[in-house]
Amino acid sequence: MKIVKVLGTGCSSCKRTEEILNAVIEQLNLDFKVQKIEDIQEIMNYNVMSTPAIVIDDVVVLKGGVPSLSDAKEILEKASVSSSCSGDGDGSCCGGGHHEHGDSCNSKSQAKEGSCCSH
């Protein structure tokens, strides 16, 4: 299960972001769980000064606004695809060998950076 963090102190925008993410996760039947982070010190560890913010795989993917449903869907679909990279270096990332840079997905860090899969 992948953890999607919503950073924010509990304002209405942060709550709305959490609701949108949960709705998209349910709609797409993703194995993701939304975790709300309200601790200011933990939020600042991500260098976020404007909330709400969304963090996936310890990478801030959105900050300073509530995502639309389509933006949230795009963010979560991209995270879902990048998490399916096997990291075995056989050139068959995501089952089809599709890469942004034409090389194989040979490390977990490539998948986390989002550079492995382009679809």
PDB file of N, CA and C in Angstrom:
ATOM      1  N   MET A   1       0.836  -1.177   0.000  1.00  0.00           N
ATOM      2  CA  MET A   1       0.000   0.000   0.000  1.00  0.00           C
ATOM      3  C   MET A   1       0.883   1.243   0.000  1.00  0.00           C
ATOM      4  N   LYS A   2       0.541   2.167  -0.863  1.00  0.00           N
ATOM      5  CA  LYS A   2       1.284   3.420  -0.970  1.00  0.00           C
ATOM      6  C   LYS A   2       0.614   4.464  -0.088  1.00  0.00           C
ATOM      7  N   ILE A   3       1.436   5.254   0.604  1.00  0.00           N
ATOM      8  CA  ILE A   3       0.933   6.311   1.475  1.00  0.00           C
ATOM      9  C   ILE A   3       1.003   7.648   0.739  1.00  0.00           C
ATOM     10  N   VAL A   4      -0.119   8.354   0.742  1.00  0.00           N
ATOM     11  CA  VAL A   4      -0.206   9.693   0.178  1.00  0.00           C
ATOM     12  C   VAL A   4      -0.415  10.627   1.355  1.00  0.00           C
ATOM     13  N   LYS A   5       0.527  11.549   1.563  1.00  0.00           N
ATOM     14  CA  LYS A   5       0.436  12.459   2.701  1.00  0.00           C
ATOM     15  C   LYS A   5      -0.159  13.790   2.263  1.00  0.00           C
ATOM     16  N   VAL A   6      -1.092  14.283   3.061  1.00  0.00           N
ATOM     17  CA  VAL A   6      -1.628  15.627   2.879  1.00  0.00           C
ATOM     18  C   VAL A   6      -1.061  16.462   4.018  1.00  0.00           C
ATOM     19  N   LEU A   7      -0.257  17.450   3.652  1.00  0.00           N
ATOM     20  CA  LEU A   7       0.340  18.328   4.645  1.00  0.00           C
ATOM     21  C   LEU A   7      -0.537  19.556   4.816  1.00  0.00           C
ATOM     22  N   GLY A   8      -0.883  19.857   6.062  1.00  0.00           N
ATOM     23  CA  GLY A   8      -1.694  21.029   6.343  1.00  0.00           C
ATOM     24  C   GLY A   8      -2.149  21.029   7.785  1.00  0.00           C
ATOM     25  N   THR A   9      -2.488  22.210   8.264  1.00  0.00           N
ATOM     26  CA  THR A   9      -2.811  22.362   9.683  1.00  0.00           C
ATOM     27  C   THR A   9      -4.270  22.108  10.016  1.00  0.00           C
ATOM     28  N   GLY A  10      -5.065  21.739   9.058  1.00  0.00           N
ATOM     29  CA  GLY A  10      -6.463  21.423   9.335  1.00  0.00           C
ATOM     30  C   GLY A  10      -7.443  22.430   8.778  1.00  0.00           C
ATOM     31  N   CYS A  11      -6.989  23.304   7.916  1.00  0.00           N
ATOM     32  CA  CYS A  11      -7.879  24.291   7.308  1.00  0.00           C
ATOM     33  C   CYS A  11      -8.850  23.602   6.342  1.00  0.00           C
ATOM     34  N   SER A  12      -9.832  24.336   5.891  1.00  0.00           N
ATOM     35  CA  SER A  12     -10.836  23.755   4.997  1.00  0.00           C
ATOM     36  C   SER A  12     -10.222  23.291   3.680  1.00  0.00           C
ATOM     37  N   SER A  13      -9.208  23.991   3.182  1.00  0.00           N
ATOM     38  CA  SER A  13      -8.548  23.573   1.932  1.00  0.00           C
ATOM     39  C   SER A  13      -7.820  22.248   2.104  1.00  0.00           C
ATOM     40  N   CYS A  14      -7.206  22.064   3.258  1.00  0.00           N
ATOM     41  CA  CYS A  14      -6.499  20.817   3.531  1.00  0.00           C
ATOM     42  C   CYS A  14      -7.484  19.654   3.645  1.00  0.00           C
ATOM     43  N   LYS A  15      -8.600  19.916   4.313  1.00  0.00           N
ATOM     44  CA  LYS A  15      -9.623  18.878   4.443  1.00  0.00           C
ATOM     45  C   LYS A  15     -10.214  18.533   3.082  1.00  0.00           C
ATOM     46  N   ARG A  16     -10.422  19.527   2.240  1.00  0.00           N
ATOM     47  CA  ARG A  16     -10.972  19.297   0.902  1.00  0.00           C
ATOM     48  C   ARG A  16      -9.988  18.478   0.058  1.00  0.00           C
ATOM     49  N   THR A  17      -8.701  18.776   0.184  1.00  0.00           N
ATOM     50  CA  THR A  17      -7.677  18.022  -0.545  1.00  0.00           C
ATOM     51  C   THR A  17      -7.724  16.552  -0.144  1.00  0.00           C
ATOM     52  N   GLU A  18      -7.840  16.300   1.141  1.00  0.00           N
ATOM     53  CA  GLU A  18      -7.934  14.923   1.640  1.00  0.00           C
ATOM     54  C   GLU A  18      -9.179  14.232   1.077  1.00  0.00           C
ATOM     55  N   GLU A  19     -10.311  14.932   1.063  1.00  0.00           N
ATOM     56  CA  GLU A  19     -11.549  14.361   0.527  1.00  0.00           C
ATOM     57  C   GLU A  19     -11.412  14.026  -0.954  1.00  0.00           C
ATOM     58  N   ILE A  20     -10.818  14.923  -1.716  1.00  0.00           N
ATOM     59  CA  ILE A  20     -10.637  14.699  -3.160  1.00  0.00           C
ATOM     60  C   ILE A  20      -9.751  13.488  -3.403  1.00  0.00           C
ATOM     61  N   LEU A  21      -8.636  13.409  -2.683  1.00  0.00           N
ATOM     62  CA  LEU A  21      -7.731  12.269  -2.856  1.00  0.00           C
ATOM     63  C   LEU A  21      -8.429  10.958  -2.518  1.00  0.00           C
ATOM     64  N   ASN A  22      -9.164  10.938  -1.418  1.00  0.00           N
ATOM     65  CA  ASN A  22      -9.882   9.713  -1.037  1.00  0.00           C
ATOM     66  C   ASN A  22     -10.922   9.330  -2.086  1.00  0.00           C
ATOM     67  N   ALA A  23     -11.596  10.320  -2.656  1.00  0.00           N
ATOM     68  CA  ALA A  23     -12.603  10.036  -3.685  1.00  0.00           C
ATOM     69  C   ALA A  23     -11.956   9.436  -4.927  1.00  0.00           C
ATOM     70  N   VAL A  24     -10.818   9.972  -5.347  1.00  0.00           N
ATOM     71  CA  VAL A  24     -10.129   9.461  -6.532  1.00  0.00           C
ATOM     72  C   VAL A  24      -9.576   8.064  -6.267  1.00  0.00           C
ATOM     73  N   ILE A  25      -9.027   7.853  -5.083  1.00  0.00           N
ATOM     74  CA  ILE A  25      -8.504   6.527  -4.717  1.00  0.00           C
ATOM     75  C   ILE A  25      -9.617   5.488  -4.786  1.00  0.00           C
ATOM     76  N   GLU A  26     -10.780   5.846  -4.270  1.00  0.00           N
ATOM     77  CA  GLU A  26     -11.914   4.926  -4.312  1.00  0.00           C
ATOM     78  C   GLU A  26     -12.387   4.707  -5.749  1.00  0.00           C
ATOM     79  N   GLN A  27     -12.483   5.793  -6.516  1.00  0.00           N
ATOM     80  CA  GLN A  27     -12.948   5.709  -7.903  1.00  0.00           C
ATOM     81  C   GLN A  27     -12.042   4.821  -8.742  1.00  0.00           C
ATOM     82  N   LEU A  28     -10.726   4.957  -8.561  1.00  0.00           N
ATOM     83  CA  LEU A  28      -9.767   4.200  -9.362  1.00  0.00           C
ATOM     84  C   LEU A  28      -9.385   2.861  -8.723  1.00  0.00           C
ATOM     85  N   ASN A  29      -9.924   2.600  -7.529  1.00  0.00           N
ATOM     86  CA  ASN A  29      -9.638   1.372  -6.802  1.00  0.00           C
ATOM     87  C   ASN A  29      -8.132   1.172  -6.614  1.00  0.00           C
ATOM     88  N   LEU A  30      -7.465   2.220  -6.137  1.00  0.00           N
ATOM     89  CA  LEU A  30      -6.023   2.176  -5.921  1.00  0.00           C
ATOM     90  C   LEU A  30      -5.703   1.684  -4.523  1.00  0.00           C
ATOM     91  N   ASP A  31      -4.550   1.049  -4.380  1.00  0.00           N
ATOM     92  CA  ASP A  31      -4.093   0.563  -3.083  1.00  0.00           C
ATOM     93  C   ASP A  31      -3.265   1.663  -2.412  1.00  0.00           C
ATOM     94  N   PHE A  32      -3.903   2.800  -2.167  1.00  0.00           N
ATOM     95  CA  PHE A  32      -3.280   3.958  -1.549  1.00  0.00           C
ATOM     96  C   PHE A  32      -4.033   4.277  -0.270  1.00  0.00           C
ATOM     97  N   LYS A  33      -3.337   4.889   0.665  1.00  0.00           N
ATOM     98  CA  LYS A  33      -3.964   5.360   1.895  1.00  0.00           C
ATOM     99  C   LYS A  33      -3.546   6.808   2.109  1.00  0.00           C
ATOM    100  N   VAL A  34      -4.519   7.657   2.411  1.00  0.00           N
ATOM    101  CA  VAL A  34      -4.239   9.061   2.672  1.00  0.00           C
ATOM    102  C   VAL A  34      -3.919   9.229   4.151  1.00  0.00           C
ATOM    103  N   GLN A  35      -2.806   9.909   4.404  1.00  0.00           N
ATOM    104  CA  GLN A  35      -2.376  10.184   5.772  1.00  0.00           C
ATOM    105  C   GLN A  35      -2.299  11.704   5.933  1.00  0.00           C
ATOM    106  N   LYS A  36      -2.951  12.221   6.932  1.00  0.00           N
ATOM    107  CA  LYS A  36      -2.973  13.664   7.180  1.00  0.00           C
ATOM    108  C   LYS A  36      -1.837  14.031   8.120  1.00  0.00           C
ATOM    109  N   ILE A  37      -1.003  14.994   7.728  1.00  0.00           N
ATOM    110  CA  ILE A  37       0.100  15.473   8.551  1.00  0.00           C
ATOM    111  C   ILE A  37      -0.213  16.910   8.956  1.00  0.00           C
ATOM    112  N   GLU A  38      -0.422  17.137  10.247  1.00  0.00           N
ATOM    113  CA  GLU A  38      -0.769  18.463  10.735  1.00  0.00           C
ATOM    114  C   GLU A  38       0.330  19.106  11.572  1.00  0.00           C
ATOM    115  N   ASP A  39       1.353  18.330  11.918  1.00  0.00           N
ATOM    116  CA  ASP A  39       2.454  18.834  12.733  1.00  0.00           C
ATOM    117  C   ASP A  39       3.317  19.800  11.918  1.00  0.00           C
ATOM    118  N   ILE A  40       3.404  21.041  12.386  1.00  0.00           N
ATOM    119  CA  ILE A  40       4.138  22.085  11.656  1.00  0.00           C
ATOM    120  C   ILE A  40       5.593  21.686  11.403  1.00  0.00           C
ATOM    121  N   GLN A  41       6.242  21.115  12.396  1.00  0.00           N
ATOM    122  CA  GLN A  41       7.650  20.736  12.235  1.00  0.00           C
ATOM    123  C   GLN A  41       7.817  19.690  11.132  1.00  0.00           C
ATOM    124  N   GLU A  42       6.919  18.712  11.099  1.00  0.00           N
ATOM    125  CA  GLU A  42       6.991  17.686  10.057  1.00  0.00           C
ATOM    126  C   GLU A  42       6.699  18.280   8.678  1.00  0.00           C
ATOM    127  N   ILE A  43       5.753  19.193   8.616  1.00  0.00           N
ATOM    128  CA  ILE A  43       5.442  19.870   7.354  1.00  0.00           C
ATOM    129  C   ILE A  43       6.664  20.636   6.860  1.00  0.00           C
ATOM    130  N   MET A  44       7.348  21.328   7.762  1.00  0.00           N
ATOM    131  CA  MET A  44       8.526  22.116   7.380  1.00  0.00           C
ATOM    132  C   MET A  44       9.690  21.230   6.937  1.00  0.00           C
ATOM    133  N   ASN A  45       9.704  19.966   7.385  1.00  0.00           N
ATOM    134  CA  ASN A  45      10.744  19.036   6.933  1.00  0.00           C
ATOM    135  C   ASN A  45      10.674  18.818   5.424  1.00  0.00           C
ATOM    136  N   TYR A  46       9.503  19.071   4.824  1.00  0.00           N
ATOM    137  CA  TYR A  46       9.328  18.940   3.374  1.00  0.00           C
ATOM    138  C   TYR A  46       9.544  20.268   2.652  1.00  0.00           C
ATOM    139  N   ASN A  47      10.013  21.285   3.373  1.00  0.00           N
ATOM    140  CA  ASN A  47      10.230  22.624   2.808  1.00  0.00           C
ATOM    141  C   ASN A  47       8.959  23.195   2.199  1.00  0.00           C
ATOM    142  N   VAL A  48       7.846  22.926   2.841  1.00  0.00           N
ATOM    143  CA  VAL A  48       6.547  23.423   2.393  1.00  0.00           C
ATOM    144  C   VAL A  48       6.175  24.616   3.260  1.00  0.00           C
ATOM    145  N   MET A  49       5.942  25.750   2.613  1.00  0.00           N
ATOM    146  CA  MET A  49       5.549  26.954   3.328  1.00  0.00           C
ATOM    147  C   MET A  49       4.103  27.327   3.031  1.00  0.00           C
ATOM    148  N   SER A  50       3.498  26.669   2.060  1.00  0.00           N
ATOM    149  CA  SER A  50       2.131  26.961   1.668  1.00  0.00           C
ATOM    150  C   SER A  50       1.365  25.650   1.561  1.00  0.00           C
ATOM    151  N   THR A  51       0.286  25.562   2.321  1.00  0.00           N
ATOM    152  CA  THR A  51      -0.500  24.334   2.335  1.00  0.00           C
ATOM    153  C   THR A  51      -1.857  24.580   1.700  1.00  0.00           C
ATOM    154  N   PRO A  52      -2.552  23.532   1.298  1.00  0.00           N
ATOM    155  CA  PRO A  52      -2.193  22.121   1.454  1.00  0.00           C
ATOM    156  C   PRO A  52      -1.097  21.705   0.481  1.00  0.00           C
ATOM    157  N   ALA A  53      -0.456  20.616   0.842  1.00  0.00           N
ATOM    158  CA  ALA A  53       0.555  20.011  -0.023  1.00  0.00           C
ATOM    159  C   ALA A  53       0.324  18.506  -0.034  1.00  0.00           C
ATOM    160  N   ILE A  54       0.721  17.881  -1.137  1.00  0.00           N
ATOM    161  CA  ILE A  54       0.587  16.427  -1.281  1.00  0.00           C
ATOM    162  C   ILE A  54       1.986  15.842  -1.459  1.00  0.00           C
ATOM    163  N   VAL A  55       2.272  14.788  -0.698  1.00  0.00           N
ATOM    164  CA  VAL A  55       3.565  14.119  -0.748  1.00  0.00           C
ATOM    165  C   VAL A  55       3.340  12.644  -1.062  1.00  0.00           C
ATOM    166  N   ILE A  56       4.064  12.153  -2.075  1.00  0.00           N
ATOM    167  CA  ILE A  56       4.024  10.731  -2.417  1.00  0.00           C
ATOM    168  C   ILE A  56       5.464  10.259  -2.547  1.00  0.00           C
ATOM    169  N   ASP A  57       5.796   9.160  -1.907  1.00  0.00           N
ATOM    170  CA  ASP A  57       7.166   8.624  -1.907  1.00  0.00           C
ATOM    171  C   ASP A  57       8.166   9.682  -1.460  1.00  0.00           C
ATOM    172  N   ASP A  58       7.790  10.442  -0.443  1.00  0.00           N
ATOM    173  CA  ASP A  58       8.631  11.499   0.135  1.00  0.00           C
ATOM    174  C   ASP A  58       8.986  12.614  -0.853  1.00  0.00           C
ATOM    175  N   VAL A  59       8.188  12.751  -1.895  1.00  0.00           N
ATOM    176  CA  VAL A  59       8.372  13.827  -2.872  1.00  0.00           C
ATOM    177  C   VAL A  59       7.116  14.687  -2.865  1.00  0.00           C
ATOM    178  N   VAL A  60       7.305  16.005  -2.709  1.00  0.00           N
ATOM    179  CA  VAL A  60       6.177  16.928  -2.764  1.00  0.00           C
ATOM    180  C   VAL A  60       5.730  17.024  -4.220  1.00  0.00           C
ATOM    181  N   VAL A  61       4.492  16.631  -4.494  1.00  0.00           N
ATOM    182  CA  VAL A  61       3.976  16.634  -5.863  1.00  0.00           C
ATOM    183  C   VAL A  61       3.015  17.791  -6.122  1.00  0.00           C
ATOM    184  N   LEU A  62       2.561  18.437  -5.048  1.00  0.00           N
ATOM    185  CA  LEU A  62       1.670  19.595  -5.194  1.00  0.00           C
ATOM    186  C   LEU A  62       1.726  20.378  -3.897  1.00  0.00           C
ATOM    187  N   LYS A  63       1.772  21.707  -4.019  1.00  0.00           N
ATOM    188  CA  LYS A  63       1.720  22.517  -2.803  1.00  0.00           C
ATOM    189  C   LYS A  63       1.029  23.841  -3.079  1.00  0.00           C
ATOM    190  N   GLY A  64       0.375  24.333  -2.035  1.00  0.00           N
ATOM    191  CA  GLY A  64      -0.213  25.649  -2.087  1.00  0.00           C
ATOM    192  C   GLY A  64      -1.594  25.748  -2.696  1.00  0.00           C
ATOM    193  N   GLY A  65      -2.287  24.631  -2.871  1.00  0.00           N
ATOM    194  CA  GLY A  65      -3.622  24.709  -3.432  1.00  0.00           C
ATOM    195  C   GLY A  65      -4.339  23.377  -3.416  1.00  0.00           C
ATOM    196  N   VAL A  66      -5.641  23.464  -3.556  1.00  0.00           N
ATOM    197  CA  VAL A  66      -6.479  22.268  -3.607  1.00  0.00           C
ATOM    198  C   VAL A  66      -6.488  21.758  -5.044  1.00  0.00           C
ATOM    199  N   PRO A  67      -6.168  20.482  -5.252  1.00  0.00           N
ATOM    200  CA  PRO A  67      -6.190  19.956  -6.620  1.00  0.00           C
ATOM    201  C   PRO A  67      -7.623  19.768  -7.117  1.00  0.00           C
ATOM    202  N   SER A  68      -7.800  19.930  -8.409  1.00  0.00           N
ATOM    203  CA  SER A  68      -9.088  19.567  -9.000  1.00  0.00           C
ATOM    204  C   SER A  68      -9.170  18.042  -9.013  1.00  0.00           C
ATOM    205  N   LEU A  69     -10.342  17.523  -9.272  1.00  0.00           N
ATOM    206  CA  LEU A  69     -10.479  16.061  -9.376  1.00  0.00           C
ATOM    207  C   LEU A  69      -9.577  15.515 -10.473  1.00  0.00           C
ATOM    208  N   SER A  70      -9.508  16.208 -11.611  1.00  0.00           N
ATOM    209  CA  SER A  70      -8.679  15.707 -12.715  1.00  0.00           C
ATOM    210  C   SER A  70      -7.193  15.799 -12.368  1.00  0.00           C
ATOM    211  N   ASP A  71      -6.775  16.846 -11.665  1.00  0.00           N
ATOM    212  CA  ASP A  71      -5.373  16.939 -11.244  1.00  0.00           C
ATOM    213  C   ASP A  71      -5.029  15.831 -10.254  1.00  0.00           C
ATOM    214  N   ALA A  72      -5.916  15.592  -9.297  1.00  0.00           N
ATOM    215  CA  ALA A  72      -5.686  14.529  -8.310  1.00  0.00           C
ATOM    216  C   ALA A  72      -5.609  13.172  -8.995  1.00  0.00           C
ATOM    217  N   LYS A  73      -6.479  12.957  -9.969  1.00  0.00           N
ATOM    218  CA  LYS A  73      -6.466  11.692 -10.711  1.00  0.00           C
ATOM    219  C   LYS A  73      -5.144  11.516 -11.438  1.00  0.00           C
ATOM    220  N   GLU A  74      -4.674  12.567 -12.086  1.00  0.00           N
ATOM    221  CA  GLU A  74      -3.400  12.504 -12.812  1.00  0.00           C
ATOM    222  C   GLU A  74      -2.232  12.229 -11.867  1.00  0.00           C
ATOM    223  N   ILE A  75      -2.211  12.904 -10.728  1.00  0.00           N
ATOM    224  CA  ILE A  75      -1.141  12.710  -9.742  1.00  0.00           C
ATOM    225  C   ILE A  75      -1.130  11.269  -9.238  1.00  0.00           C
ATOM    226  N   LEU A  76      -2.290  10.751  -8.884  1.00  0.00           N
ATOM    227  CA  LEU A  76      -2.356   9.398  -8.326  1.00  0.00           C
ATOM    228  C   LEU A  76      -2.111   8.327  -9.379  1.00  0.00           C
ATOM    229  N   GLU A  77      -2.580   8.547 -10.596  1.00  0.00           N
ATOM    230  CA  GLU A  77      -2.308   7.574 -11.665  1.00  0.00           C
ATOM    231  C   GLU A  77      -0.812   7.510 -11.951  1.00  0.00           C
ATOM    232  N   LYS A  78      -0.156   8.658 -11.986  1.00  0.00           N
ATOM    233  CA  LYS A  78       1.289   8.684 -12.228  1.00  0.00           C
ATOM    234  C   LYS A  78       2.033   7.960 -11.108  1.00  0.00           C
ATOM    235  N   ALA A  79       1.612   8.183  -9.872  1.00  0.00           N
ATOM    236  CA  ALA A  79       2.238   7.500  -8.739  1.00  0.00           C
ATOM    237  C   ALA A  79       1.990   6.005  -8.793  1.00  0.00           C
ATOM    238  N   SER A  80       0.812   5.619  -9.258  1.00  0.00           N
ATOM    239  CA  SER A  80       0.485   4.209  -9.370  1.00  0.00           C
ATOM    240  C   SER A  80       1.346   3.528 -10.422  1.00  0.00           C
ATOM    241  N   VAL A  81       1.546   4.193 -11.550  1.00  0.00           N
ATOM    242  CA  VAL A  81       2.362   3.630 -12.627  1.00  0.00           C
ATOM    243  C   VAL A  81       3.814   3.526 -12.196  1.00  0.00           C
ATOM    244  N   SER A  82       4.343   4.560 -11.560  1.00  0.00           N
ATOM    245  CA  SER A  82       5.749   4.527 -11.167  1.00  0.00           C
ATOM    246  C   SER A  82       6.004   3.488 -10.095  1.00  0.00           C
ATOM    247  N   SER A  83       4.995   3.177  -9.281  1.00  0.00           N
ATOM    248  CA  SER A  83       5.195   2.163  -8.249  1.00  0.00           C
ATOM    249  C   SER A  83       5.191   0.757  -8.821  1.00  0.00           C
ATOM    250  N   SER A  84       4.743   0.593 -10.073  1.00  0.00           N
ATOM    251  CA  SER A  84       4.701  -0.739 -10.665  1.00  0.00           C
ATOM    252  C   SER A  84       6.008  -1.121 -11.347  1.00  0.00           C
ATOM    253  N   CYS A  85       6.978  -0.209 -11.376  1.00  0.00           N
ATOM    254  CA  CYS A  85       8.279  -0.543 -11.958  1.00  0.00           C
ATOM    255  C   CYS A  85       8.971  -1.570 -11.075  1.00  0.00           C
ATOM    256  N   SER A  86       9.478  -2.598 -11.691  1.00  0.00           N
ATOM    257  CA  SER A  86      10.051  -3.690 -10.911  1.00  0.00           C
ATOM    258  C   SER A  86      11.452  -3.401 -10.428  1.00  0.00           C
ATOM    259  N   GLY A  87      12.190  -2.541 -11.105  1.00  0.00           N
ATOM    260  CA  GLY A  87      13.536  -2.225 -10.675  1.00  0.00           C
ATOM    261  C   GLY A  87      14.518  -3.351 -10.913  1.00  0.00           C
ATOM    262  N   ASP A  88      14.181  -4.304 -11.786  1.00  0.00           N
ATOM    263  CA  ASP A  88      15.067  -5.444 -11.996  1.00  0.00           C
ATOM    264  C   ASP A  88      16.044  -5.225 -13.144  1.00  0.00           C
ATOM    265  N   GLY A  89      15.954  -4.093 -13.845  1.00  0.00           N
ATOM    266  CA  GLY A  89      16.922  -3.765 -14.870  1.00  0.00           C
ATOM    267  C   GLY A  89      16.791  -4.565 -16.145  1.00  0.00           C
ATOM    268  N   ASP A  90      15.679  -5.263 -16.362  1.00  0.00           N
ATOM    269  CA  ASP A  90      15.554  -6.092 -17.551  1.00  0.00           C
ATOM    270  C   ASP A  90      14.979  -5.337 -18.741  1.00  0.00           C
ATOM    271  N   GLY A  91      14.738  -4.039 -18.561  1.00  0.00           N
ATOM    272  CA  GLY A  91      14.226  -3.247 -19.666  1.00  0.00           C
ATOM    273  C   GLY A  91      12.732  -3.387 -19.867  1.00  0.00           C
ATOM    274  N   SER A  92      12.047  -4.052 -18.966  1.00  0.00           N
ATOM    275  CA  SER A  92      10.614  -4.239 -19.143  1.00  0.00           C
ATOM    276  C   SER A  92       9.820  -3.476 -18.100  1.00  0.00           C
ATOM    277  N   CYS A  93      10.261  -2.292 -17.805  1.00  0.00           N
ATOM    278  CA  CYS A  93       9.568  -1.443 -16.837  1.00  0.00           C
ATOM    279  C   CYS A  93       8.101  -1.332 -17.210  1.00  0.00           C
ATOM    280  N   CYS A  94       7.245  -1.516 -16.248  1.00  0.00           N
ATOM    281  CA  CYS A  94       5.797  -1.395 -16.432  1.00  0.00           C
ATOM    282  C   CYS A  94       5.273  -2.367 -17.471  1.00  0.00           C
ATOM    283  N   GLY A  95       6.004  -3.411 -17.723  1.00  0.00           N
ATOM    284  CA  GLY A  95       5.540  -4.455 -18.605  1.00  0.00           C
ATOM    285  C   GLY A  95       5.675  -4.164 -20.075  1.00  0.00           C
ATOM    286  N   GLY A  96       6.169  -2.964 -20.445  1.00  0.00           N
ATOM    287  CA  GLY A  96       6.228  -2.658 -21.858  1.00  0.00           C
ATOM    288  C   GLY A  96       7.501  -1.977 -22.297  1.00  0.00           C
ATOM    289  N   GLY A  97       8.440  -1.775 -21.382  1.00  0.00           N
ATOM    290  CA  GLY A  97       9.700  -1.157 -21.742  1.00  0.00           C
ATOM    291  C   GLY A  97       9.570   0.303 -22.131  1.00  0.00           C
ATOM    292  N   HIS A  98       8.549   1.007 -21.650  1.00  0.00           N
ATOM    293  CA  HIS A  98       8.350   2.412 -21.983  1.00  0.00           C
ATOM    294  C   HIS A  98       9.145   3.278 -21.028  1.00  0.00           C
ATOM    295  N   HIS A  99      10.031   4.101 -21.559  1.00  0.00           N
ATOM    296  CA  HIS A  99      10.854   4.966 -20.730  1.00  0.00           C
ATOM    297  C   HIS A  99      10.953   6.339 -21.351  1.00  0.00           C
ATOM    298  N   GLU A 100      11.037   7.350 -20.491  1.00  0.00           N
ATOM    299  CA  GLU A 100      11.206   8.711 -20.967  1.00  0.00           C
ATOM    300  C   GLU A 100      12.569   8.893 -21.616  1.00  0.00           C
ATOM    301  N   HIS A 101      13.584   8.257 -21.058  1.00  0.00           N
ATOM    302  CA  HIS A 101      14.944   8.487 -21.501  1.00  0.00           C
ATOM    303  C   HIS A 101      15.519   7.344 -22.339  1.00  0.00           C
ATOM    304  N   GLY A 102      14.715   6.376 -22.665  1.00  0.00           N
ATOM    305  CA  GLY A 102      15.156   5.290 -23.530  1.00  0.00           C
ATOM    306  C   GLY A 102      16.018   4.245 -22.854  1.00  0.00           C
ATOM    307  N   ASP A 103      16.204   4.336 -21.552  1.00  0.00           N
ATOM    308  CA  ASP A 103      16.999   3.321 -20.891  1.00  0.00           C
ATOM    309  C   ASP A 103      16.130   2.525 -19.930  1.00  0.00           C
ATOM    310  N   SER A 104      16.696   1.472 -19.377  1.00  0.00           N
ATOM    311  CA  SER A 104      15.888   0.585 -18.556  1.00  0.00           C
ATOM    312  C   SER A 104      15.707   1.146 -17.155  1.00  0.00           C
ATOM    313  N   CYS A 105      14.658   0.706 -16.513  1.00  0.00           N
ATOM    314  CA  CYS A 105      14.390   1.057 -15.123  1.00  0.00           C
ATOM    315  C   CYS A 105      15.238   0.125 -14.284  1.00  0.00           C
ATOM    316  N   ASN A 106      16.348   0.621 -13.791  1.00  0.00           N
ATOM    317  CA  ASN A 106      17.263  -0.274 -13.100  1.00  0.00           C
ATOM    318  C   ASN A 106      17.443   0.050 -11.634  1.00  0.00           C
ATOM    319  N   SER A 107      16.624   0.925 -11.111  1.00  0.00           N
ATOM    320  CA  SER A 107      16.732   1.177  -9.679  1.00  0.00           C
ATOM    321  C   SER A 107      15.413   1.667  -9.123  1.00  0.00           C
ATOM    322  N   LYS A 108      15.215   1.416  -7.858  1.00  0.00           N
ATOM    323  CA  LYS A 108      14.011   1.904  -7.183  1.00  0.00           C
ATOM    324  C   LYS A 108      14.004   3.422  -7.159  1.00  0.00           C
ATOM    325  N   SER A 109      15.189   4.049  -7.101  1.00  0.00           N
ATOM    326  CA  SER A 109      15.218   5.508  -7.046  1.00  0.00           C
ATOM    327  C   SER A 109      14.692   6.117  -8.330  1.00  0.00           C
ATOM    328  N   GLN A 110      14.916   5.486  -9.477  1.00  0.00           N
ATOM    329  CA  GLN A 110      14.358   6.005 -10.722  1.00  0.00           C
ATOM    330  C   GLN A 110      12.847   6.002 -10.653  1.00  0.00           C
ATOM    331  N   ALA A 111      12.285   4.927 -10.122  1.00  0.00           N
ATOM    332  CA  ALA A 111      10.826   4.847 -10.035  1.00  0.00           C
ATOM    333  C   ALA A 111      10.306   5.916  -9.090  1.00  0.00           C
ATOM    334  N   LYS A 112      10.995   6.140  -7.960  1.00  0.00           N
ATOM    335  CA  LYS A 112      10.550   7.146  -7.012  1.00  0.00           C
ATOM    336  C   LYS A 112      10.665   8.544  -7.596  1.00  0.00           C
ATOM    337  N   GLU A 113      11.668   8.798  -8.403  1.00  0.00           N
ATOM    338  CA  GLU A 113      11.840  10.112  -8.999  1.00  0.00           C
ATOM    339  C   GLU A 113      10.846  10.335 -10.139  1.00  0.00           C
ATOM    340  N   GLY A 114      10.145   9.302 -10.550  1.00  0.00           N
ATOM    341  CA  GLY A 114       9.167   9.440 -11.602  1.00  0.00           C
ATOM    342  C   GLY A 114       9.795   9.443 -12.978  1.00  0.00           C
ATOM    343  N   SER A 115      11.086   9.113 -13.071  1.00  0.00           N
ATOM    344  CA  SER A 115      11.741   9.148 -14.371  1.00  0.00           C
ATOM    345  C   SER A 115      11.687   7.813 -15.075  1.00  0.00           C
ATOM    346  N   CYS A 116      11.136   6.819 -14.439  1.00  0.00           N
ATOM    347  CA  CYS A 116      11.111   5.495 -15.027  1.00  0.00           C
ATOM    348  C   CYS A 116      10.016   5.354 -16.076  1.00  0.00           C
ATOM    349  N   CYS A 117       8.821   5.670 -15.706  1.00  0.00           N
ATOM    350  CA  CYS A 117       7.688   5.414 -16.574  1.00  0.00           C
ATOM    351  C   CYS A 117       7.130   6.723 -17.113  1.00  0.00           C
ATOM    352  N   SER A 118       6.780   6.722 -18.369  1.00  0.00           N
ATOM    353  CA  SER A 118       6.272   7.952 -18.969  1.00  0.00           C
ATOM    354  C   SER A 118       4.816   7.866 -19.343  1.00  0.00           C
ATOM    355  N   HIS A 119       4.136   6.791 -18.985  1.00  0.00           N
ATOM    356  CA  HIS A 119       2.728   6.671 -19.360  1.00  0.00           C
ATOM    357  C   HIS A 119       1.842   6.599 -18.171  1.00  0.00           C
TER     358      HIS A 119
END
